[in-house]
Amino acid sequence: MILARAEQVSRRYGEVLALDRVDLTVRSGELVGLLGPNGAGKSTLINLLVGLRRPTAGRVELCGGDPRDPASRRQLGVTPQETGLPGTLRVGEVVDFVSAHFPDPVPRGELLDRFGLADQVRRQTGGLSGGQRRRLAVALAFVGRPRLVVLDEPTTGLDVEARHALWDAIRGFHADGGTVLLSSHYLEEVEALAQRVVVIGHGRVLADDSVAAIRGIVGVRRVSLVADDLPALPGVVATERADGRVHLLTTDADQLVRDLVTSGVPFRDLEVRPTSLEEAFLAITADDRPAPTPA
């Protein structure tokens, strides 16, 4: 079942074309990662899907209806990129207020425990740290037992431990059958969570596939080794040196290894691996054209 869909959607802000004929479908049970640099159009697309903005052209659908219709949003949970919480209200009071809008909310204690906020229940939100306020904002998206949760940069401002705890909560929701659309600029976050990745750049979808397929689109491999000096080698896209190792990005790892051997330069600890999602992401967004669909 399709829970969210954009068909040939464009959105203008004056002379600025923020989205250009974007297609996106999110089906029940998926965990979709939305990647793109600042200004790519990620937040604009999310605002259209959840009914906060109207498209200039094209069609948007949420849970089978118009996103601006309250009936379509009843099964939706959202954490926007920026949230404002009443500073004088206590954490428990904020959760109770939001819970009152749903027929079968998650019990307050269970929700706060899931997001590591049980000890903060009586604290005013104005006295929380930035990371705690962010965790509370994300927790509120899950109060109403939604079918679809849309998270826009959910772990901004969180330390590593809190980020991983939030990842576990998202994984748990998804494992129970929930659907997630996750927008993030933390590439390792999307790589750790998402089954499918949609890369947006210049207001268009540049790639839409699995993490492995996104890597494959680029067709680049990383060859790492230890060597004092290397000659110029054909097929090397980029060279990096870090922690005593040389890292070579190449479109033909087999040929590069053969060239290394025939060059006669001594080397050791050779390692060949696929590119990371970050390397694929940078390669895709550096090109002004949409990426090809893998065969």
Protein backbone atom coordinates (compact mmCIF):
# COMPACT_ATOMS: atom_id res chain seq x y z
CA MET A 1 0.00 0.00 0.00
CA ILE A 2 1.26 3.48 -0.88
CA LEU A 3 1.31 5.84 2.13
CA ALA A 4 2.93 8.88 0.50
CA ARG A 5 3.35 9.85 -3.11
CA ALA A 6 4.57 12.81 -5.16
CA GLU A 7 3.94 12.78 -8.90
CA GLN A 8 5.78 15.27 -11.13
CA VAL A 9 5.78 17.76 -8.27
CA SER A 10 7.31 21.20 -8.67
CA ARG A 11 7.46 24.00 -6.14
CA ARG A 12 8.50 27.59 -6.70
CA TYR A 13 9.31 30.32 -4.22
CA GLY A 14 9.15 33.40 -6.40
CA GLU A 15 11.83 32.95 -9.05
CA VAL A 16 13.46 30.04 -7.20
CA LEU A 17 12.55 26.53 -8.40
CA ALA A 18 12.95 24.46 -5.23
CA LEU A 19 11.57 21.22 -6.71
CA ASP A 20 11.52 20.29 -10.38
CA ARG A 21 9.11 17.50 -11.45
CA VAL A 22 9.91 15.19 -8.55
CA ASP A 23 8.49 11.67 -8.31
CA LEU A 24 8.58 9.80 -4.99
CA THR A 25 6.61 6.86 -3.61
CA VAL A 26 6.76 5.54 -0.04
CA ARG A 27 5.05 2.19 0.51
CA SER A 28 3.84 0.60 3.72
CA GLY A 29 6.67 -1.06 5.68
CA GLU A 30 9.52 0.82 3.98
CA LEU A 31 12.31 2.75 5.69
CA VAL A 32 13.37 5.32 3.10
CA GLY A 33 16.35 7.63 3.50
CA LEU A 34 16.23 11.05 1.84
CA LEU A 35 19.68 12.50 1.15
CA GLY A 36 20.80 15.77 -0.34
CA PRO A 37 22.97 18.80 0.35
CA ASN A 38 21.58 21.96 1.93
CA GLY A 39 19.18 23.66 -0.46
CA ALA A 40 18.57 20.48 -2.44
CA GLY A 41 14.81 20.52 -1.76
CA LYS A 42 14.48 17.82 0.93
CA SER A 43 12.56 19.92 3.45
CA THR A 44 10.38 21.41 0.72
CA LEU A 45 9.41 17.91 -0.42
CA ILE A 46 8.62 16.86 3.14
CA ASN A 47 6.49 19.98 3.69
CA LEU A 48 4.47 19.09 0.59
CA LEU A 49 4.00 15.46 1.65
CA VAL A 50 2.72 16.39 5.13
CA GLY A 51 0.47 19.18 3.91
CA LEU A 52 2.37 22.24 5.17
CA ARG A 53 2.87 23.56 1.62
CA ARG A 54 1.03 23.16 -1.67
CA PRO A 55 2.83 22.20 -4.87
CA THR A 56 3.08 24.72 -7.68
CA ALA A 57 2.51 21.85 -10.10
CA GLY A 58 1.99 18.11 -9.83
CA ARG A 59 0.12 15.95 -7.34
CA VAL A 60 0.82 14.92 -3.73
CA GLU A 61 -0.98 12.16 -1.85
CA LEU A 62 -0.84 11.12 1.82
CA CYS A 63 -2.51 7.95 3.11
CA GLY A 64 -4.75 7.88 0.05
CA GLY A 65 -5.94 11.49 0.29
CA ASP A 66 -5.00 15.15 0.25
CA PRO A 67 -2.20 15.90 2.76
CA ARG A 68 -4.06 19.06 3.82
CA ASP A 69 -7.08 17.02 4.89
CA PRO A 70 -6.93 16.23 8.65
CA ALA A 71 -8.33 12.77 7.93
CA SER A 72 -5.23 11.99 5.83
CA ARG A 73 -2.88 13.12 8.61
CA ARG A 74 -4.38 11.02 11.41
CA GLN A 75 -1.97 8.18 10.70
CA LEU A 76 1.04 10.48 10.33
CA GLY A 77 3.77 11.41 12.81
CA VAL A 78 6.18 14.24 11.98
CA THR A 79 9.32 15.78 13.45
CA PRO A 80 10.22 18.88 11.44
CA GLN A 81 13.76 20.17 11.11
CA GLU A 82 13.06 22.91 13.65
CA THR A 83 10.61 22.64 16.53
CA GLY A 84 9.50 25.00 19.27
CA LEU A 85 8.41 23.62 22.63
CA PRO A 86 6.72 25.77 25.33
CA GLY A 87 9.58 26.43 27.73
CA THR A 88 7.43 26.56 30.87
CA LEU A 89 5.63 23.26 30.30
CA ARG A 90 7.04 20.10 31.83
CA VAL A 91 8.02 17.20 29.62
CA GLY A 92 5.14 15.07 30.89
CA GLU A 93 2.68 17.90 30.26
CA VAL A 94 3.83 18.29 26.66
CA VAL A 95 3.41 14.56 26.04
CA ASP A 96 -0.04 14.58 27.68
CA PHE A 97 -1.14 17.55 25.56
CA VAL A 98 -0.13 15.87 22.30
CA SER A 99 -1.54 12.50 23.44
CA ALA A 100 -4.96 14.09 23.95
CA HIS A 101 -5.28 14.49 20.18
CA PHE A 102 -5.22 10.72 19.53
CA PRO A 103 -7.71 7.95 20.38
CA ASP A 104 -5.08 5.39 21.47
CA PRO A 105 -1.80 7.14 22.33
CA VAL A 106 1.34 5.40 23.51
CA PRO A 107 1.37 5.60 27.35
CA ARG A 108 3.51 8.50 28.55
CA GLY A 109 5.92 6.37 30.58
CA GLU A 110 6.45 3.90 27.77
CA LEU A 111 7.13 6.67 25.25
CA LEU A 112 9.59 8.57 27.44
CA ASP A 113 11.42 5.40 28.38
CA ARG A 114 11.75 4.43 24.71
CA PHE A 115 13.46 7.74 23.96
CA GLY A 116 15.59 7.96 27.10
CA LEU A 117 13.57 10.75 28.71
CA ALA A 118 11.93 8.97 31.65
CA ASP A 119 14.06 10.89 34.17
CA GLN A 120 13.04 14.23 32.64
CA VAL A 121 9.28 13.84 32.99
CA ARG A 122 8.94 16.67 35.56
CA ARG A 123 11.49 19.03 34.04
CA GLN A 124 10.40 22.12 32.15
CA THR A 125 11.30 21.87 28.48
CA GLY A 126 13.10 25.21 28.73
CA GLY A 127 15.58 23.57 31.10
CA LEU A 128 16.41 20.65 28.81
CA SER A 129 19.62 20.45 26.85
CA GLY A 130 19.41 20.89 23.08
CA GLY A 131 19.80 17.14 22.59
CA GLN A 132 17.04 16.35 25.11
CA ARG A 133 14.67 18.79 23.42
CA ARG A 134 15.42 17.15 20.09
CA ARG A 135 14.70 13.68 21.49
CA LEU A 136 11.41 14.94 22.90
CA ALA A 137 10.45 16.44 19.54
CA VAL A 138 11.13 13.10 17.85
CA ALA A 139 9.28 11.16 20.56
CA LEU A 140 6.15 13.26 19.98
CA ALA A 141 6.00 12.00 16.39
CA PHE A 142 5.33 8.49 17.75
CA VAL A 143 2.66 9.36 20.35
CA GLY A 144 -0.34 8.56 18.17
CA ARG A 145 0.86 5.12 16.97
CA PRO A 146 1.24 6.41 13.38
CA ARG A 147 1.56 4.20 10.33
CA LEU A 148 3.98 6.66 8.72
CA VAL A 149 6.61 8.75 10.51
CA VAL A 150 8.41 11.55 8.67
CA LEU A 151 11.64 12.69 10.34
CA ASP A 152 13.49 15.75 9.04
CA GLU A 153 17.08 15.76 10.37
CA PRO A 154 16.00 13.92 13.57
CA THR A 155 19.41 13.61 15.24
CA THR A 156 20.70 17.15 14.76
CA GLY A 157 22.44 18.24 17.96
CA LEU A 158 22.60 14.75 19.48
CA ASP A 159 25.79 13.16 20.75
CA VAL A 160 26.86 9.74 19.46
CA GLU A 161 25.23 7.77 22.30
CA ALA A 162 21.91 9.60 21.99
CA ARG A 163 21.98 9.25 18.23
CA HIS A 164 22.41 5.48 18.43
CA ALA A 165 19.62 5.25 21.03
CA LEU A 166 17.33 7.12 18.64
CA TRP A 167 18.35 4.81 15.81
CA ASP A 168 17.28 1.85 17.96
CA ALA A 169 13.88 3.46 18.56
CA ILE A 170 13.40 4.02 14.82
CA ARG A 171 14.47 0.44 14.07
CA GLY A 172 12.01 -0.86 16.67
CA PHE A 173 9.14 1.11 15.15
CA HIS A 174 10.03 -0.18 11.69
CA ALA A 175 10.39 -3.79 12.93
CA ASP A 176 6.84 -3.57 14.28
CA GLY A 177 5.55 -2.70 10.80
CA GLY A 178 5.90 1.07 10.85
CA THR A 179 6.91 3.11 7.80
CA VAL A 180 9.61 5.78 7.98
CA LEU A 181 10.74 8.57 5.68
CA LEU A 182 14.02 9.87 7.11
CA SER A 183 15.74 13.01 5.84
CA SER A 184 19.28 13.42 7.08
CA HIS A 185 22.61 14.95 6.16
CA TYR A 186 24.36 12.32 8.31
CA LEU A 187 25.26 9.84 5.62
CA GLU A 188 26.20 7.12 8.09
CA GLU A 189 22.71 7.51 9.61
CA VAL A 190 20.95 6.73 6.36
CA GLU A 191 23.41 3.93 5.61
CA ALA A 192 22.74 2.40 9.05
CA LEU A 193 18.94 2.63 8.88
CA ALA A 194 17.55 2.85 5.38
CA GLN A 195 16.64 0.03 3.03
CA ARG A 196 16.18 2.46 0.17
CA VAL A 197 17.90 5.76 -0.55
CA VAL A 198 16.57 8.72 -2.52
CA VAL A 199 19.21 11.31 -3.42
CA ILE A 200 17.95 14.82 -4.19
CA GLY A 201 20.04 17.56 -5.75
CA HIS A 202 19.18 20.75 -7.64
CA GLY A 203 15.50 20.13 -6.82
CA ARG A 204 15.41 16.79 -8.65
CA VAL A 205 15.69 13.10 -7.79
CA LEU A 206 19.19 12.07 -8.83
CA ALA A 207 18.96 8.47 -7.65
CA ASP A 208 16.40 6.16 -6.02
CA ASP A 209 17.56 2.67 -5.08
CA SER A 210 19.12 0.49 -2.38
CA VAL A 211 22.28 1.59 -0.57
CA ALA A 212 24.28 -1.01 -2.49
CA ALA A 213 22.86 0.14 -5.80
CA ILE A 214 23.61 3.78 -5.03
CA ARG A 215 27.23 2.80 -4.52
CA GLY A 216 27.13 0.83 -7.76
CA ILE A 217 25.85 3.80 -9.73
CA VAL A 218 29.16 5.54 -9.21
CA GLY A 219 31.21 2.53 -10.30
CA VAL A 220 34.17 3.59 -8.17
CA ARG A 221 36.22 1.32 -5.88
CA ARG A 222 38.63 2.27 -3.13
CA VAL A 223 42.08 0.65 -3.24
CA SER A 224 44.02 1.16 -0.02
CA LEU A 225 47.64 0.22 0.63
CA VAL A 226 50.82 1.19 2.45
CA ALA A 227 53.55 2.58 0.19
CA ASP A 228 56.26 5.22 0.53
CA ASP A 229 55.87 6.59 -2.97
CA LEU A 230 53.66 5.86 -5.95
CA PRO A 231 53.99 6.84 -9.60
CA ALA A 232 51.12 8.40 -11.55
CA LEU A 233 48.73 5.56 -12.34
CA PRO A 234 46.01 5.49 -15.03
CA GLY A 235 42.35 5.26 -13.97
CA VAL A 236 42.85 6.91 -10.57
CA VAL A 237 40.00 9.34 -9.86
CA ALA A 238 41.36 10.68 -6.56
CA THR A 239 44.18 10.03 -4.12
CA GLU A 240 44.12 10.50 -0.35
CA ARG A 241 46.67 9.86 2.40
CA ALA A 242 45.53 9.15 5.95
CA ASP A 243 46.93 7.27 8.93
CA GLY A 244 49.97 6.07 6.99
CA ARG A 245 47.88 4.59 4.16
CA VAL A 246 47.29 5.66 0.58
CA HIS A 247 43.69 5.51 -0.67
CA LEU A 248 43.11 5.45 -4.41
CA LEU A 249 39.65 5.83 -5.95
CA THR A 250 39.43 4.09 -9.30
CA THR A 251 36.88 2.94 -11.85
CA ASP A 252 38.85 -0.29 -12.52
CA ALA A 253 40.31 -1.79 -9.36
CA ASP A 254 41.60 -4.94 -11.11
CA GLN A 255 43.57 -2.95 -13.66
CA LEU A 256 44.93 -0.64 -10.97
CA VAL A 257 46.26 -3.59 -8.98
CA ARG A 258 47.93 -4.96 -12.12
CA ASP A 259 49.49 -1.55 -12.77
CA LEU A 260 50.76 -1.41 -9.21
CA VAL A 261 52.45 -4.78 -9.54
CA THR A 262 54.08 -4.02 -12.92
CA SER A 263 55.29 -0.60 -11.69
CA GLY A 264 57.75 -2.35 -9.39
CA VAL A 265 57.01 0.01 -6.49
CA PRO A 266 56.99 -1.87 -3.14
CA PHE A 267 53.68 -1.83 -1.27
CA ARG A 268 51.87 -3.90 1.36
CA ASP A 269 48.52 -4.38 3.12
CA LEU A 270 46.49 -4.03 -0.07
CA GLU A 271 42.75 -3.69 0.41
CA VAL A 272 39.99 -3.25 -2.19
CA ARG A 273 36.44 -2.39 -1.19
CA PRO A 274 33.31 -0.69 -2.57
CA THR A 275 32.84 3.01 -2.08
CA SER A 276 31.00 4.21 1.00
CA LEU A 277 27.60 5.84 0.68
CA GLU A 278 29.33 9.16 1.36
CA GLU A 279 31.63 8.72 -1.65
CA ALA A 280 28.68 7.73 -3.82
CA PHE A 281 26.64 10.66 -2.54
CA LEU A 282 29.39 13.17 -3.32
CA ALA A 283 29.91 11.71 -6.78
CA ILE A 284 26.18 11.81 -7.60
CA THR A 285 25.54 15.34 -6.33
CA ALA A 286 28.66 16.68 -8.04
CA ASP A 287 27.03 15.86 -11.39
CA ASP A 288 24.27 18.15 -12.61
CA ARG A 289 22.50 15.30 -14.38
CA PRO A 290 20.22 12.68 -12.80
CA ALA A 291 22.06 9.44 -12.14
CA PRO A 292 21.30 6.50 -14.45
CA THR A 293 19.24 3.63 -13.19
CA PRO A 294 21.41 0.54 -12.55
CA ALA A 295 20.78 -2.40 -14.85
